[in-house]
Amino acid sequence: MKYLVATIILFFAMFSGWFFSAKYLEPVILRVFAPETHDRYLDIWFSIFTIIEIVIVIIYAVYVYKTYKSKTNLTKPSN
């Protein structure tokens, strides 16, 4: 059940990352980087979006790993 909840949270976080990137990342890029061309803007946008999504997946992987390695396991009988 822990993994199901973690996976649901992962999908929600990835969707939220996409939504907020699509809505709010443009003004930040234009203010911070001032790209010369539209292609350069798209490169910067995609790079930042990819970093956001990778961070979300890494946090998910660490959580699943820590859950897997925890002493409380759902398949072991408790004594």
Protein backbone atom coordinates (compact mmCIF):
# COMPACT_ATOMS: atom_id res chain seq x y z
CA MET A 1 0.00 0.00 0.00
CA LYS A 2 2.92 2.33 0.73
CA TYR A 3 4.19 1.94 -2.83
CA LEU A 4 0.77 2.61 -4.32
CA VAL A 5 0.43 5.84 -2.35
CA ALA A 6 3.99 6.84 -3.30
CA THR A 7 3.27 6.18 -6.99
CA ILE A 8 0.04 8.19 -6.89
CA ILE A 9 1.94 11.06 -5.28
CA LEU A 10 4.63 10.71 -7.97
CA PHE A 11 2.09 11.07 -10.78
CA PHE A 12 0.46 14.03 -9.03
CA ALA A 13 3.85 15.69 -8.49
CA MET A 14 4.91 15.12 -12.11
CA PHE A 15 1.62 16.55 -13.39
CA SER A 16 1.97 19.51 -11.05
CA GLY A 17 5.54 20.05 -12.24
CA TRP A 18 4.35 20.06 -15.84
CA PHE A 19 1.42 22.37 -15.08
CA PHE A 20 3.45 24.92 -13.14
CA SER A 21 6.25 24.79 -15.72
CA ALA A 22 3.78 25.46 -18.52
CA LYS A 23 2.13 28.29 -16.63
CA TYR A 24 4.87 30.05 -14.66
CA LEU A 25 8.25 29.11 -16.14
CA GLU A 26 8.10 31.47 -19.13
CA PRO A 27 8.22 34.75 -17.15
CA VAL A 28 11.08 33.44 -15.01
CA ILE A 29 13.12 32.40 -18.06
CA LEU A 30 12.51 35.70 -19.83
CA ARG A 31 13.51 37.68 -16.74
CA VAL A 32 16.59 35.65 -15.78
CA PHE A 33 18.06 34.50 -19.11
CA ALA A 34 16.73 36.88 -21.82
CA PRO A 35 17.15 34.37 -24.67
CA GLU A 36 18.08 35.79 -28.08
CA THR A 37 15.97 33.42 -30.21
CA HIS A 38 12.88 31.31 -29.80
CA ASP A 39 14.96 28.15 -30.23
CA ARG A 40 17.22 29.20 -27.38
CA TYR A 41 14.16 29.91 -25.23
CA LEU A 42 12.80 26.43 -25.96
CA ASP A 43 16.16 24.86 -25.08
CA ILE A 44 16.24 26.67 -21.74
CA TRP A 45 12.59 25.86 -20.98
CA PHE A 46 13.01 22.19 -21.77
CA SER A 47 16.23 21.96 -19.73
CA ILE A 48 14.64 23.51 -16.65
CA PHE A 49 11.49 21.41 -17.05
CA THR A 50 13.61 18.25 -17.32
CA ILE A 51 15.54 19.18 -14.18
CA ILE A 52 12.28 19.68 -12.27
CA GLU A 53 10.92 16.29 -13.37
CA ILE A 54 14.21 14.49 -12.65
CA VAL A 55 14.29 15.93 -9.13
CA ILE A 56 10.74 14.64 -8.57
CA VAL A 57 11.69 11.15 -9.79
CA ILE A 58 14.85 11.09 -7.64
CA ILE A 59 12.88 12.03 -4.53
CA TYR A 60 10.38 9.26 -5.37
CA ALA A 61 13.19 6.72 -5.85
CA VAL A 62 14.81 7.65 -2.53
CA TYR A 63 11.46 7.37 -0.73
CA VAL A 64 10.74 3.94 -2.25
CA TYR A 65 14.27 2.78 -1.41
CA LYS A 66 13.97 3.95 2.20
CA THR A 67 10.53 2.33 2.46
CA TYR A 68 11.89 -0.91 1.04
CA LYS A 69 14.85 -0.92 3.44
CA SER A 70 12.81 0.03 6.50
CA LYS A 71 12.56 -2.46 9.33
CA THR A 72 8.78 -2.54 9.19
CA ASN A 73 7.91 -4.76 6.27
CA LEU A 74 4.38 -5.66 5.24
CA THR A 75 5.23 -9.25 4.28
CA LYS A 76 7.04 -10.25 7.47
CA PRO A 77 4.95 -11.41 10.43
CA SER A 78 5.31 -9.22 13.48
CA ASN A 79 6.61 -10.85 16.67
